[in-house]
């Protein structure tokens, strides 16, 4: 397969108090643009981000786990506790990939206390074009 897993840390979480169970609408996950990543530029065009959303829908549009420090990918004994669950993944013109975040108690506390300030999406990208294909 011509894809690899990478992270994109170009978005931030809201700067406000968030309540457990609250759905924070329209959180930017990845803006449109090109971003350095591993010595190459990751290309996040509107078209590529739309393909990510289409692939998510074709896979059943399941809620996407937001965890702390990519622990779910680490496997083993790492704790993949949820900070939030992403629903309603979509592309907004001019903003890029966004989703609605249903916050857990741990995620709401981390955002409200500013321990969590940035988002880092994990996704598979095309090894040649470095365009995102699907969320991990």
N, C-alpha and C. Protein backbone atom coordinates (compact mmCIF):
# COMPACT_ATOMS: atom_id res chain seq x y z
N UNK A 1 0.84 -1.18 0.00
CA UNK A 1 0.00 0.00 0.00
C UNK A 1 0.89 1.25 0.00
N UNK A 2 0.52 2.24 -0.74
CA UNK A 2 1.32 3.43 -0.91
C UNK A 2 0.91 4.53 0.07
N UNK A 3 0.83 4.18 1.37
CA UNK A 3 0.45 5.17 2.36
C UNK A 3 1.27 4.98 3.62
N UNK A 4 1.36 6.06 4.40
CA UNK A 4 2.06 6.01 5.67
C UNK A 4 1.30 6.82 6.70
N UNK A 5 1.48 6.47 7.97
CA UNK A 5 0.80 7.15 9.07
C UNK A 5 1.65 8.33 9.52
N UNK A 6 1.05 9.51 9.58
CA UNK A 6 1.74 10.69 10.10
C UNK A 6 0.79 11.50 10.96
N UNK A 7 1.32 12.52 11.63
CA UNK A 7 0.54 13.42 12.46
C UNK A 7 0.62 14.83 11.87
N UNK A 8 -0.43 15.61 12.07
CA UNK A 8 -0.46 17.00 11.63
C UNK A 8 -0.91 17.82 12.83
N UNK A 9 -0.02 18.69 13.31
CA UNK A 9 -0.28 19.47 14.52
C UNK A 9 -0.54 20.94 14.19
N UNK A 10 -1.50 21.22 13.35
CA UNK A 10 -1.71 22.59 12.89
C UNK A 10 -2.97 23.24 13.43
N UNK A 11 -3.67 22.60 14.33
CA UNK A 11 -4.93 23.15 14.85
C UNK A 11 -4.87 23.24 16.37
N UNK A 12 -5.73 24.07 16.93
CA UNK A 12 -5.76 24.22 18.37
C UNK A 12 -7.17 24.03 18.90
N UNK A 13 -7.27 23.77 20.18
CA UNK A 13 -8.57 23.56 20.82
C UNK A 13 -9.14 24.92 21.25
N UNK A 14 -10.43 24.98 21.56
CA UNK A 14 -11.03 26.26 21.99
C UNK A 14 -10.37 26.80 23.25
N UNK A 15 -10.29 28.11 23.35
CA UNK A 15 -9.74 28.75 24.55
C UNK A 15 -10.88 29.22 25.43
N UNK A 16 -11.54 28.24 26.06
CA UNK A 16 -12.66 28.56 26.94
C UNK A 16 -12.94 27.35 27.82
N UNK A 17 -13.79 27.53 28.79
CA UNK A 17 -14.20 26.43 29.64
C UNK A 17 -15.13 25.52 28.86
N UNK A 18 -14.90 24.23 28.98
CA UNK A 18 -15.70 23.23 28.28
C UNK A 18 -16.27 22.28 29.33
N UNK A 19 -17.51 21.89 29.17
CA UNK A 19 -18.17 21.01 30.13
C UNK A 19 -18.14 19.55 29.66
N UNK A 20 -18.02 18.59 30.59
CA UNK A 20 -18.12 17.18 30.20
C UNK A 20 -19.46 16.92 29.52
N UNK A 21 -19.43 16.18 28.44
CA UNK A 21 -20.64 15.87 27.69
C UNK A 21 -21.03 16.93 26.68
N UNK A 22 -20.40 18.10 26.76
CA UNK A 22 -20.70 19.18 25.81
C UNK A 22 -20.20 18.81 24.41
N UNK A 23 -20.96 19.19 23.41
CA UNK A 23 -20.49 19.06 22.04
C UNK A 23 -20.00 20.42 21.59
N UNK A 24 -18.73 20.49 21.26
CA UNK A 24 -18.12 21.72 20.76
C UNK A 24 -18.16 21.62 19.24
N UNK A 25 -18.98 22.44 18.63
CA UNK A 25 -19.21 22.36 17.18
C UNK A 25 -18.10 23.07 16.40
N UNK A 26 -17.79 22.51 15.25
CA UNK A 26 -16.91 23.17 14.29
C UNK A 26 -15.47 23.35 14.72
N UNK A 27 -14.91 22.36 15.42
CA UNK A 27 -13.50 22.44 15.82
C UNK A 27 -12.64 22.17 14.58
N UNK A 28 -11.72 23.06 14.32
CA UNK A 28 -10.82 22.88 13.17
C UNK A 28 -9.81 21.78 13.49
N UNK A 29 -9.77 20.77 12.65
CA UNK A 29 -8.85 19.65 12.82
C UNK A 29 -7.60 19.85 11.98
N UNK A 30 -7.78 20.37 10.77
CA UNK A 30 -6.65 20.65 9.89
C UNK A 30 -7.02 21.75 8.91
N UNK A 31 -6.27 22.85 8.90
CA UNK A 31 -6.54 23.89 7.93
C UNK A 31 -6.08 23.47 6.53
N UNK A 32 -6.53 24.20 5.55
CA UNK A 32 -6.07 23.99 4.18
C UNK A 32 -4.69 24.60 4.05
N UNK A 33 -3.78 23.89 3.41
CA UNK A 33 -2.43 24.41 3.20
C UNK A 33 -1.41 23.31 3.09
N UNK A 34 -0.16 23.71 3.04
CA UNK A 34 0.96 22.78 3.01
C UNK A 34 1.75 22.97 4.29
N UNK A 35 2.12 21.84 4.93
CA UNK A 35 2.75 21.89 6.23
C UNK A 35 3.96 20.97 6.25
N UNK A 36 5.11 21.44 6.77
CA UNK A 36 6.29 20.58 6.85
C UNK A 36 6.02 19.38 7.75
N UNK A 37 6.48 18.21 7.30
CA UNK A 37 6.30 17.00 8.10
C UNK A 37 7.32 15.97 7.64
N UNK A 38 8.27 15.67 8.48
CA UNK A 38 9.25 14.64 8.16
C UNK A 38 10.10 14.96 6.95
N UNK A 39 10.46 16.22 6.77
CA UNK A 39 11.30 16.61 5.65
C UNK A 39 10.54 16.80 4.34
N UNK A 40 9.23 16.62 4.38
CA UNK A 40 8.41 16.81 3.19
C UNK A 40 7.26 17.73 3.55
N UNK A 41 6.62 18.30 2.55
CA UNK A 41 5.43 19.11 2.80
C UNK A 41 4.19 18.24 2.71
N UNK A 42 3.40 18.26 3.76
CA UNK A 42 2.11 17.58 3.75
C UNK A 42 1.12 18.51 3.03
N UNK A 43 0.43 17.98 2.04
CA UNK A 43 -0.46 18.79 1.21
C UNK A 43 -1.90 18.53 1.64
N UNK A 44 -2.50 19.54 2.27
CA UNK A 44 -3.88 19.42 2.75
C UNK A 44 -4.77 20.35 1.95
N UNK A 45 -5.03 19.95 0.72
CA UNK A 45 -5.92 20.72 -0.15
C UNK A 45 -7.37 20.44 0.22
N UNK A 46 -8.26 21.30 -0.21
CA UNK A 46 -9.68 21.08 0.05
C UNK A 46 -10.12 19.75 -0.56
N UNK A 47 -9.60 19.43 -1.75
CA UNK A 47 -9.96 18.17 -2.42
C UNK A 47 -9.49 16.97 -1.61
N UNK A 48 -8.26 17.02 -1.10
CA UNK A 48 -7.73 15.91 -0.31
C UNK A 48 -8.54 15.74 0.98
N UNK A 49 -8.88 16.85 1.63
CA UNK A 49 -9.65 16.76 2.87
C UNK A 49 -11.05 16.23 2.60
N UNK A 50 -11.63 16.59 1.46
CA UNK A 50 -12.94 16.04 1.09
C UNK A 50 -12.85 14.53 0.90
N UNK A 51 -11.73 14.03 0.36
CA UNK A 51 -11.55 12.58 0.21
C UNK A 51 -11.47 11.91 1.58
N UNK A 52 -10.84 12.57 2.55
CA UNK A 52 -10.77 12.03 3.91
C UNK A 52 -12.19 11.85 4.46
N UNK A 53 -13.02 12.88 4.29
CA UNK A 53 -14.40 12.81 4.77
C UNK A 53 -15.17 11.71 4.04
N UNK A 54 -14.98 11.63 2.73
CA UNK A 54 -15.66 10.59 1.94
C UNK A 54 -15.24 9.20 2.41
N UNK A 55 -13.96 8.99 2.65
CA UNK A 55 -13.49 7.68 3.13
C UNK A 55 -14.03 7.37 4.52
N UNK A 56 -14.16 8.39 5.37
CA UNK A 56 -14.74 8.21 6.71
C UNK A 56 -16.20 7.78 6.59
N UNK A 57 -16.93 8.43 5.69
CA UNK A 57 -18.34 8.07 5.49
C UNK A 57 -18.48 6.66 4.93
N UNK A 58 -17.64 6.32 3.95
CA UNK A 58 -17.70 4.98 3.35
C UNK A 58 -17.36 3.89 4.37
N UNK A 59 -16.56 4.24 5.38
CA UNK A 59 -16.20 3.27 6.42
C UNK A 59 -17.25 3.20 7.53
N UNK A 60 -18.35 3.94 7.39
CA UNK A 60 -19.43 3.87 8.36
C UNK A 60 -19.63 5.10 9.22
N UNK A 61 -18.83 6.14 9.00
CA UNK A 61 -18.96 7.41 9.74
C UNK A 61 -19.00 7.21 11.25
N UNK A 62 -18.14 6.31 11.73
CA UNK A 62 -18.05 6.06 13.17
C UNK A 62 -17.43 7.26 13.88
N UNK A 63 -17.79 7.45 15.16
CA UNK A 63 -17.14 8.49 15.95
C UNK A 63 -15.64 8.22 15.97
N UNK A 64 -14.84 9.30 15.92
CA UNK A 64 -13.38 9.19 15.90
C UNK A 64 -12.84 9.54 17.28
N UNK A 65 -12.03 8.66 17.82
CA UNK A 65 -11.41 8.86 19.12
C UNK A 65 -10.43 10.02 19.10
N UNK A 66 -10.55 10.90 20.08
CA UNK A 66 -9.52 11.91 20.35
C UNK A 66 -8.92 11.50 21.68
N UNK A 67 -7.65 11.13 21.66
CA UNK A 67 -7.00 10.71 22.90
C UNK A 67 -5.86 11.68 23.23
N UNK A 68 -5.11 11.35 24.25
CA UNK A 68 -4.00 12.18 24.68
C UNK A 68 -2.69 11.59 24.17
N UNK A 69 -1.88 12.41 23.52
CA UNK A 69 -0.53 12.03 23.10
C UNK A 69 -0.48 10.81 22.18
N UNK A 70 -1.50 10.58 21.39
CA UNK A 70 -1.53 9.46 20.43
C UNK A 70 -1.34 8.10 21.11
N UNK A 71 -1.83 7.96 22.32
CA UNK A 71 -1.62 6.71 23.07
C UNK A 71 -2.35 5.53 22.44
N UNK A 72 -3.47 5.76 21.77
CA UNK A 72 -4.20 4.64 21.15
C UNK A 72 -3.35 3.98 20.06
N UNK A 73 -2.51 4.76 19.41
CA UNK A 73 -1.65 4.21 18.36
C UNK A 73 -0.46 3.46 18.93
N UNK A 74 -0.06 3.80 20.16
CA UNK A 74 1.12 3.19 20.76
C UNK A 74 0.90 1.73 21.09
N UNK A 75 -0.36 1.36 21.37
CA UNK A 75 -0.65 -0.04 21.71
C UNK A 75 -0.05 -0.41 23.05
N UNK A 76 0.11 -1.68 23.28
CA UNK A 76 0.71 -2.16 24.53
C UNK A 76 -0.07 -1.72 25.74
N UNK A 77 0.63 -1.19 26.73
CA UNK A 77 0.01 -0.82 27.99
C UNK A 77 -0.41 0.64 28.04
N UNK A 78 -0.26 1.37 26.96
CA UNK A 78 -0.67 2.78 26.94
C UNK A 78 -2.16 2.90 27.19
N UNK A 79 -2.55 3.99 27.83
CA UNK A 79 -3.94 4.24 28.16
C UNK A 79 -4.58 5.10 27.08
N UNK A 80 -5.44 4.53 26.24
CA UNK A 80 -6.07 5.32 25.17
C UNK A 80 -7.37 5.98 25.61
N UNK A 81 -7.38 6.56 26.81
CA UNK A 81 -8.59 7.21 27.30
C UNK A 81 -9.01 8.32 26.36
N UNK A 82 -10.30 8.43 26.18
CA UNK A 82 -10.83 9.44 25.27
C UNK A 82 -10.87 10.81 25.92
N UNK A 83 -10.43 11.81 25.17
CA UNK A 83 -10.61 13.22 25.55
C UNK A 83 -11.92 13.72 24.94
N UNK A 84 -12.24 13.15 23.78
CA UNK A 84 -13.47 13.52 23.07
C UNK A 84 -13.72 12.49 21.98
N UNK A 85 -14.89 12.62 21.38
CA UNK A 85 -15.25 11.80 20.22
C UNK A 85 -15.70 12.75 19.12
N UNK A 86 -15.10 12.61 17.94
CA UNK A 86 -15.44 13.49 16.82
C UNK A 86 -16.61 12.91 16.05
N UNK A 87 -17.60 13.74 15.81
CA UNK A 87 -18.74 13.40 14.97
C UNK A 87 -18.86 14.48 13.89
N UNK A 88 -19.70 14.23 12.92
CA UNK A 88 -19.99 15.22 11.89
C UNK A 88 -18.74 15.78 11.25
N UNK A 89 -17.85 14.91 10.83
CA UNK A 89 -16.63 15.30 10.14
C UNK A 89 -17.00 15.92 8.79
N UNK A 90 -16.39 17.05 8.47
CA UNK A 90 -16.73 17.74 7.22
C UNK A 90 -15.61 18.71 6.85
N UNK A 91 -15.70 19.22 5.63
CA UNK A 91 -14.78 20.26 5.17
C UNK A 91 -15.56 21.55 5.03
N UNK A 92 -15.05 22.60 5.63
CA UNK A 92 -15.66 23.92 5.50
C UNK A 92 -14.73 24.76 4.63
N UNK A 93 -15.27 25.37 3.57
CA UNK A 93 -14.43 26.20 2.69
C UNK A 93 -13.68 27.27 3.49
N UNK A 94 -12.40 27.38 3.23
CA UNK A 94 -11.58 28.37 3.90
C UNK A 94 -11.06 27.95 5.26
N UNK A 95 -11.68 26.94 5.89
CA UNK A 95 -11.26 26.48 7.22
C UNK A 95 -10.60 25.11 7.18
N UNK A 96 -11.00 24.27 6.22
CA UNK A 96 -10.43 22.94 6.14
C UNK A 96 -11.28 21.90 6.84
N UNK A 97 -10.61 20.89 7.37
CA UNK A 97 -11.30 19.76 8.01
C UNK A 97 -11.75 20.17 9.41
N UNK A 98 -13.04 20.01 9.68
CA UNK A 98 -13.61 20.34 10.99
C UNK A 98 -14.50 19.19 11.44
N UNK A 99 -14.79 19.18 12.71
CA UNK A 99 -15.70 18.19 13.27
C UNK A 99 -16.30 18.72 14.55
N UNK A 100 -17.32 18.05 15.01
CA UNK A 100 -17.95 18.38 16.28
C UNK A 100 -17.35 17.44 17.33
N UNK A 101 -16.87 17.99 18.43
CA UNK A 101 -16.20 17.22 19.47
C UNK A 101 -17.13 17.05 20.67
N UNK A 102 -17.52 15.81 20.95
CA UNK A 102 -18.30 15.51 22.16
C UNK A 102 -17.29 15.23 23.25
N UNK A 103 -17.22 16.12 24.23
CA UNK A 103 -16.16 16.09 25.23
C UNK A 103 -16.44 15.08 26.34
N UNK A 104 -15.38 14.41 26.77
CA UNK A 104 -15.44 13.57 27.96
C UNK A 104 -15.06 14.43 29.17
N UNK A 105 -15.19 13.87 30.36
CA UNK A 105 -14.78 14.61 31.55
C UNK A 105 -13.30 14.95 31.52
N UNK A 106 -12.47 14.00 31.10
CA UNK A 106 -11.02 14.22 31.05
C UNK A 106 -10.65 15.28 30.02
N UNK A 107 -11.27 15.23 28.86
CA UNK A 107 -10.99 16.21 27.82
C UNK A 107 -11.46 17.60 28.19
N UNK A 108 -12.66 17.69 28.77
CA UNK A 108 -13.19 18.99 29.18
C UNK A 108 -12.29 19.63 30.23
N UNK A 109 -11.83 18.83 31.19
CA UNK A 109 -10.92 19.36 32.21
C UNK A 109 -9.60 19.81 31.60
N UNK A 110 -9.05 19.02 30.69
CA UNK A 110 -7.76 19.36 30.08
C UNK A 110 -7.84 20.64 29.26
N UNK A 111 -8.95 20.85 28.56
CA UNK A 111 -9.11 22.08 27.78
C UNK A 111 -9.38 23.26 28.71
N UNK A 112 -10.27 23.08 29.66
CA UNK A 112 -10.64 24.18 30.56
C UNK A 112 -9.45 24.66 31.38
N UNK A 113 -8.56 23.75 31.76
CA UNK A 113 -7.37 24.11 32.55
C UNK A 113 -6.15 24.39 31.69
N UNK A 114 -6.32 24.38 30.37
CA UNK A 114 -5.28 24.70 29.39
C UNK A 114 -4.11 23.71 29.40
N UNK A 115 -4.34 22.47 29.89
CA UNK A 115 -3.31 21.43 29.76
C UNK A 115 -3.27 20.91 28.35
N UNK A 116 -4.39 20.98 27.66
CA UNK A 116 -4.49 20.56 26.27
C UNK A 116 -4.77 21.81 25.45
N UNK A 117 -3.86 22.14 24.52
CA UNK A 117 -4.02 23.37 23.75
C UNK A 117 -4.02 23.14 22.24
N UNK A 118 -3.44 22.04 21.79
CA UNK A 118 -3.32 21.81 20.37
C UNK A 118 -3.84 20.44 19.98
N UNK A 119 -4.26 20.33 18.74
CA UNK A 119 -4.72 19.06 18.19
C UNK A 119 -3.67 18.53 17.24
N UNK A 120 -3.56 17.24 17.16
CA UNK A 120 -2.65 16.60 16.23
C UNK A 120 -3.39 15.42 15.62
N UNK A 121 -3.89 15.61 14.42
CA UNK A 121 -4.62 14.54 13.75
C UNK A 121 -3.64 13.48 13.26
N UNK A 122 -4.02 12.22 13.41
CA UNK A 122 -3.24 11.10 12.88
C UNK A 122 -3.99 10.57 11.68
N UNK A 123 -3.29 10.49 10.57
CA UNK A 123 -3.94 9.96 9.39
C UNK A 123 -2.93 9.33 8.46
N UNK A 124 -3.48 8.55 7.56
CA UNK A 124 -2.65 7.93 6.54
C UNK A 124 -2.61 8.88 5.36
N UNK A 125 -1.39 9.06 4.84
CA UNK A 125 -1.20 9.93 3.69
C UNK A 125 -0.58 9.13 2.55
N UNK A 126 -0.78 9.62 1.36
CA UNK A 126 -0.14 9.06 0.18
C UNK A 126 1.36 9.32 0.29
N UNK A 127 2.19 8.28 0.18
CA UNK A 127 3.64 8.43 0.34
C UNK A 127 4.25 9.36 -0.70
N UNK A 128 3.66 9.43 -1.86
CA UNK A 128 4.23 10.26 -2.92
C UNK A 128 3.74 11.70 -2.87
N UNK A 129 2.44 11.90 -2.77
CA UNK A 129 1.90 13.25 -2.80
C UNK A 129 1.81 13.90 -1.42
N UNK A 130 1.87 13.09 -0.38
CA UNK A 130 1.70 13.51 1.01
C UNK A 130 0.34 14.13 1.28
N UNK A 131 -0.64 13.75 0.50
CA UNK A 131 -2.01 14.18 0.74
C UNK A 131 -2.67 13.18 1.69
N UNK A 132 -3.48 13.67 2.65
CA UNK A 132 -4.17 12.76 3.54
C UNK A 132 -5.18 11.90 2.80
N UNK A 133 -5.33 10.65 3.27
CA UNK A 133 -6.25 9.70 2.64
C UNK A 133 -7.40 9.38 3.60
N UNK A 134 -7.02 9.05 4.85
CA UNK A 134 -8.04 8.67 5.83
C UNK A 134 -7.50 8.89 7.23
N UNK A 135 -8.43 9.13 8.15
CA UNK A 135 -8.08 9.32 9.56
C UNK A 135 -7.76 7.97 10.18
N UNK A 136 -6.75 7.98 11.05
CA UNK A 136 -6.34 6.76 11.74
C UNK A 136 -7.30 6.45 12.86
